[in-house]
N, C-alpha and C. Protein backbone atom coordinates (compact mmCIF):
# COMPACT_ATOMS: atom_id res chain seq x y z
N UNK A 1 -13.57 16.65 8.68
CA UNK A 1 -14.78 16.16 7.74
C UNK A 1 -16.09 16.72 8.42
N UNK A 2 -16.92 17.01 7.44
CA UNK A 2 -18.22 17.61 7.78
C UNK A 2 -19.19 16.41 7.87
N UNK A 3 -20.18 16.63 8.93
CA UNK A 3 -21.25 15.66 8.91
C UNK A 3 -22.07 15.33 7.67
N UNK A 4 -22.14 13.98 7.18
CA UNK A 4 -22.68 13.75 6.00
C UNK A 4 -21.72 13.77 4.83
N UNK A 5 -20.54 14.01 5.00
CA UNK A 5 -19.52 13.92 4.02
C UNK A 5 -19.08 12.63 3.84
N UNK A 6 -19.23 12.28 2.39
CA UNK A 6 -18.78 10.86 2.01
C UNK A 6 -17.30 10.70 1.66
N UNK A 7 -16.58 9.99 2.28
CA UNK A 7 -15.28 9.61 1.80
C UNK A 7 -15.17 8.18 1.42
N UNK A 8 -14.93 8.18 0.01
CA UNK A 8 -14.78 6.90 -0.56
C UNK A 8 -13.74 5.88 -0.10
N UNK A 9 -14.12 4.60 0.12
CA UNK A 9 -13.17 3.67 0.66
C UNK A 9 -12.77 2.61 -0.66
N UNK A 10 -11.78 1.74 -0.42
CA UNK A 10 -11.52 0.98 -1.35
C UNK A 10 -12.07 -0.62 -1.06
N UNK A 11 -12.91 -0.95 -1.89
CA UNK A 11 -13.73 -2.31 -1.82
C UNK A 11 -12.85 -3.52 -2.19
N UNK A 12 -11.84 -3.43 -2.79
CA UNK A 12 -11.13 -4.64 -3.32
C UNK A 12 -9.82 -4.91 -2.44
N UNK A 13 -9.98 -4.96 -1.24
CA UNK A 13 -8.82 -5.02 -0.44
C UNK A 13 -7.92 -6.19 -0.37
N UNK A 14 -8.49 -7.35 -0.80
CA UNK A 14 -7.61 -8.46 -0.85
C UNK A 14 -6.71 -8.35 -1.99
N UNK A 15 -7.00 -7.82 -3.33
CA UNK A 15 -6.20 -7.58 -4.35
C UNK A 15 -5.18 -6.57 -4.02
N UNK A 16 -5.65 -5.36 -3.39
CA UNK A 16 -4.78 -4.33 -3.02
C UNK A 16 -3.51 -4.97 -2.09
N UNK A 17 -3.86 -5.80 -1.03
CA UNK A 17 -3.00 -6.24 -0.13
C UNK A 17 -1.93 -7.19 -0.83
N UNK A 18 -2.48 -8.02 -1.96
CA UNK A 18 -1.58 -8.79 -2.59
C UNK A 18 -0.54 -7.89 -3.35
N UNK A 19 -0.94 -6.84 -4.09
CA UNK A 19 -0.05 -6.04 -4.77
C UNK A 19 0.88 -5.33 -3.83
N UNK A 20 0.52 -5.06 -2.58
CA UNK A 20 1.54 -4.50 -1.74
C UNK A 20 2.49 -5.62 -1.00
N UNK A 21 2.06 -6.67 -0.96
CA UNK A 21 2.91 -7.89 -0.64
C UNK A 21 3.91 -8.25 -1.55
N UNK A 22 3.52 -8.06 -2.78
CA UNK A 22 4.37 -8.66 -3.78
C UNK A 22 5.45 -7.46 -3.98
N UNK A 23 4.96 -6.14 -4.06
CA UNK A 23 5.83 -5.04 -4.21
C UNK A 23 6.89 -5.14 -3.15
N UNK A 24 6.62 -5.29 -1.82
CA UNK A 24 7.54 -5.01 -0.75
C UNK A 24 8.38 -6.35 -0.61
N UNK A 25 8.00 -7.63 -1.03
CA UNK A 25 8.84 -8.57 -1.01
C UNK A 25 10.05 -8.44 -2.25
N UNK A 26 9.52 -7.87 -3.35
CA UNK A 26 10.65 -7.52 -4.41
C UNK A 26 11.50 -6.58 -3.86
N UNK A 27 11.09 -5.56 -3.07
CA UNK A 27 11.95 -4.50 -2.44
C UNK A 27 12.72 -4.72 -1.23
N UNK A 28 12.41 -6.06 -0.69
CA UNK A 28 12.87 -6.39 0.67
C UNK A 28 12.63 -5.55 1.75
N UNK A 29 11.35 -4.93 1.69
CA UNK A 29 10.92 -4.20 2.96
C UNK A 29 9.70 -4.68 3.33
N UNK A 30 9.17 -4.25 4.57
CA UNK A 30 7.87 -4.63 5.05
C UNK A 30 6.86 -3.77 4.48
N UNK A 31 5.72 -4.25 4.47
CA UNK A 31 4.58 -3.41 3.93
C UNK A 31 4.29 -2.27 4.99
N UNK A 32 4.59 -2.48 6.14
CA UNK A 32 4.51 -1.37 7.20
C UNK A 32 5.42 -0.29 6.83
N UNK A 33 6.61 -0.60 6.54
CA UNK A 33 7.65 0.43 6.10
C UNK A 33 7.23 1.29 4.80
N UNK A 34 6.59 0.65 3.92
CA UNK A 34 6.08 1.21 2.68
C UNK A 34 5.00 2.21 3.22
N UNK A 35 4.15 1.91 3.85
CA UNK A 35 3.01 2.56 4.40
C UNK A 35 3.54 3.83 5.04
N UNK A 36 4.48 3.78 6.00
CA UNK A 36 5.04 4.89 6.64
C UNK A 36 5.79 5.69 5.77
N UNK A 37 6.47 5.17 4.82
CA UNK A 37 7.21 6.10 3.91
C UNK A 37 6.12 6.93 2.94
N UNK A 38 5.13 6.11 2.44
CA UNK A 38 4.33 6.75 1.42
C UNK A 38 3.29 7.77 1.98
N UNK A 39 2.70 7.21 2.99
CA UNK A 39 1.59 8.05 3.69
C UNK A 39 1.63 8.39 5.06
N UNK A 40 2.85 8.08 5.52
CA UNK A 40 3.05 8.47 7.06
C UNK A 40 1.98 7.70 7.95
N UNK A 41 1.65 6.50 7.55
CA UNK A 41 0.69 5.58 8.35
C UNK A 41 1.46 5.21 9.72
N UNK A 42 0.45 5.37 10.70
CA UNK A 42 1.02 4.86 11.94
C UNK A 42 1.38 3.29 12.09
N UNK A 43 2.16 2.88 12.94
CA UNK A 43 2.45 1.43 12.97
C UNK A 43 1.10 0.82 13.37
N UNK A 44 0.79 -0.21 12.88
CA UNK A 44 -0.31 -1.01 12.88
C UNK A 44 -1.51 -0.80 12.01
N UNK A 45 -1.23 0.26 11.08
CA UNK A 45 -2.25 0.41 9.93
C UNK A 45 -2.36 -0.78 9.07
N UNK A 46 -1.26 -1.23 8.63
CA UNK A 46 -1.29 -2.45 7.62
C UNK A 46 -2.14 -3.79 8.35
N UNK A 47 -1.78 -3.94 9.73
CA UNK A 47 -2.39 -5.06 10.32
C UNK A 47 -4.12 -4.89 10.24
N UNK A 48 -4.39 -3.58 10.62
CA UNK A 48 -5.70 -3.12 10.55
C UNK A 48 -6.48 -3.31 9.12
N UNK A 49 -5.60 -3.01 8.02
CA UNK A 49 -6.21 -3.39 6.84
C UNK A 49 -6.30 -4.84 6.63
N UNK A 50 -5.18 -5.53 6.98
CA UNK A 50 -5.31 -6.92 6.79
C UNK A 50 -6.46 -7.73 7.54
N UNK A 51 -6.61 -7.12 8.78
CA UNK A 51 -7.70 -7.78 9.64
C UNK A 51 -9.25 -7.33 9.11
N UNK A 52 -9.15 -6.23 8.40
CA UNK A 52 -10.45 -5.73 7.81
C UNK A 52 -11.28 -4.81 8.72
N UNK A 53 -10.45 -4.35 9.79
CA UNK A 53 -11.04 -3.51 10.69
C UNK A 53 -10.85 -1.95 10.17
N UNK A 54 -10.21 -1.91 9.19
CA UNK A 54 -9.98 -0.56 8.46
C UNK A 54 -9.70 -0.65 7.02
N UNK A 55 -9.81 0.42 6.30
CA UNK A 55 -9.57 0.31 4.73
C UNK A 55 -9.16 1.76 4.43
N UNK A 56 -8.33 1.76 3.42
CA UNK A 56 -7.95 3.09 3.03
C UNK A 56 -8.97 3.71 1.91
N UNK A 57 -8.89 5.06 1.83
CA UNK A 57 -9.75 5.75 0.90
C UNK A 57 -9.09 5.48 -0.55
N UNK A 58 -9.64 5.90 -1.52
CA UNK A 58 -9.24 5.73 -2.92
C UNK A 58 -8.19 6.64 -3.06
N UNK A 59 -8.08 7.89 -2.30
CA UNK A 59 -6.90 8.77 -2.47
C UNK A 59 -5.63 7.99 -1.95
N UNK A 60 -5.74 7.44 -0.76
CA UNK A 60 -4.60 6.61 -0.20
C UNK A 60 -4.37 5.56 -1.24
N UNK A 61 -5.22 4.64 -1.74
CA UNK A 61 -4.81 3.62 -2.64
C UNK A 61 -4.06 4.25 -4.04
N UNK A 62 -4.63 5.23 -4.43
CA UNK A 62 -3.85 5.96 -5.74
C UNK A 62 -2.55 6.42 -5.41
N UNK A 63 -2.37 6.88 -4.27
CA UNK A 63 -0.93 7.29 -3.75
C UNK A 63 -0.04 6.25 -3.69
N UNK A 64 -0.43 5.09 -2.97
CA UNK A 64 0.43 4.01 -2.96
C UNK A 64 0.67 3.37 -4.33
N UNK A 65 -0.30 3.18 -5.05
CA UNK A 65 -0.04 2.68 -6.47
C UNK A 65 0.77 3.58 -7.34
N UNK A 66 0.70 4.84 -7.12
CA UNK A 66 1.42 5.78 -7.82
C UNK A 66 2.96 5.64 -7.31
N UNK A 67 3.10 5.62 -6.29
CA UNK A 67 4.60 5.31 -5.61
C UNK A 67 5.09 4.00 -6.11
N UNK A 68 4.35 2.92 -6.09
CA UNK A 68 4.81 1.59 -6.68
C UNK A 68 5.28 1.77 -8.27
N UNK A 69 4.23 2.42 -8.97
CA UNK A 69 4.43 2.41 -10.27
C UNK A 69 5.92 3.39 -10.48
N UNK A 70 6.11 4.54 -9.85
CA UNK A 70 7.04 5.30 -10.10
C UNK A 70 8.51 4.61 -9.44
N UNK A 71 8.33 3.68 -8.63
CA UNK A 71 9.57 3.01 -8.10
C UNK A 71 9.46 1.39 -8.15
N UNK A 72 9.61 0.90 -9.43
CA UNK A 72 9.58 -0.37 -9.71
C UNK A 72 11.01 -1.08 -9.26
N UNK A 73 10.66 -2.41 -8.82
CA UNK A 73 11.91 -3.15 -8.57
C UNK A 73 12.97 -3.10 -9.54
N UNK A 74 14.33 -2.69 -9.18
CA UNK A 74 15.37 -2.86 -10.18
C UNK A 74 15.88 -4.19 -10.43
N UNK A 75 16.21 -4.52 -11.62
CA UNK A 75 16.76 -5.85 -11.93
C UNK A 75 18.13 -6.17 -11.23
N UNK A 76 18.29 -7.23 -10.76
CA UNK A 76 19.37 -7.56 -9.92
C UNK A 76 20.45 -7.94 -11.05
N UNK A 77 21.68 -8.23 -10.59
CA UNK A 77 22.71 -8.66 -11.53
C UNK A 77 22.39 -10.02 -12.14
N UNK A 78 21.71 -10.86 -11.37
CA UNK A 78 21.33 -12.12 -11.75
C UNK A 78 20.30 -12.16 -12.97
N UNK A 79 19.40 -11.10 -12.50
CA UNK A 79 18.31 -10.79 -13.62
C UNK A 79 18.92 -10.48 -14.96
N UNK A 80 20.03 -9.73 -15.00
CA UNK A 80 20.44 -9.02 -16.12
C UNK A 80 21.41 -10.00 -16.95
N UNK A 81 21.78 -11.08 -16.11
CA UNK A 81 22.58 -12.08 -16.86
C UNK A 81 21.95 -12.90 -17.84
């Protein structure tokens, strides 16, 4: 990154966190696992986002949302009945 270069960050973190929590609950994985798989985030990144000490860039938000859209929860046999 060059001095004065602007990297946009995501302003609606509460909504994004809820989206990730809902998605990971449906997939029975932790938010940390999703972040590691999709963006190779270090352990602890999720907690930093939740604590408000860090936030993702829009590029990261788009990448995670794209992954979630391409990998929706599969209906279980109960749901299909």
